[in-house]
Amino acid sequence: MYLVKNEVNVLFGECDPMGIAHHSHYFHWFELVRFQMLYKTGII
């Protein structure tokens, strides 16, 4: 099993007026991190 640490920068447009990240973007971030993990582990 691989342990891979990834960070995602939250963009201004992904936040509500209070500056809190909106939940509708979670799956987009999950997909970004999934591909980062695949690259780091050498699978793709």
Protein backbone atom coordinates (compact mmCIF):
# COMPACT_ATOMS: atom_id res chain seq x y z
CA MET A 1 0.00 0.00 0.00
CA TYR A 2 1.26 3.46 -0.89
CA LEU A 3 1.05 6.52 1.33
CA VAL A 4 1.02 9.64 -0.83
CA LYS A 5 0.56 13.18 0.47
CA ASN A 6 -1.01 15.74 -1.84
CA GLU A 7 -2.11 19.31 -1.32
CA VAL A 8 -4.85 21.09 -3.24
CA ASN A 9 -4.94 24.86 -3.51
CA VAL A 10 -8.49 26.14 -3.18
CA LEU A 11 -9.23 28.84 -5.72
CA PHE A 12 -11.20 32.00 -4.98
CA GLY A 13 -14.02 30.90 -7.28
CA GLU A 14 -14.45 27.66 -5.31
CA CYS A 15 -15.33 29.56 -2.13
CA ASP A 16 -18.53 31.13 -0.92
CA PRO A 17 -18.71 34.81 0.12
CA MET A 18 -17.50 33.85 3.63
CA GLY A 19 -14.30 32.34 2.17
CA ILE A 20 -15.25 28.73 2.92
CA ALA A 21 -14.66 26.10 0.25
CA HIS A 22 -17.93 24.90 -1.24
CA HIS A 23 -18.65 21.17 -0.98
CA SER A 24 -19.57 20.87 -4.67
CA HIS A 25 -15.86 21.00 -5.56
CA TYR A 26 -14.79 18.01 -3.41
CA PHE A 27 -15.12 15.47 -6.22
CA HIS A 28 -13.05 17.65 -8.54
CA TRP A 29 -10.29 17.76 -5.91
CA PHE A 30 -10.57 13.99 -5.34
CA GLU A 31 -10.03 13.45 -9.07
CA LEU A 32 -6.99 15.76 -9.13
CA VAL A 33 -5.42 13.98 -6.17
CA ARG A 34 -6.20 10.56 -7.66
CA PHE A 35 -4.20 11.41 -10.79
CA GLN A 36 -1.37 12.92 -8.73
CA MET A 37 -1.20 9.67 -6.76
CA LEU A 38 -1.08 7.58 -9.94
CA TYR A 39 1.79 9.71 -11.31
CA LYS A 40 3.76 9.62 -8.05
CA THR A 41 3.45 5.84 -7.76
CA GLY A 42 4.47 5.33 -11.39
CA ILE A 43 1.25 3.66 -12.47
CA ILE A 44 0.71 6.17 -15.29
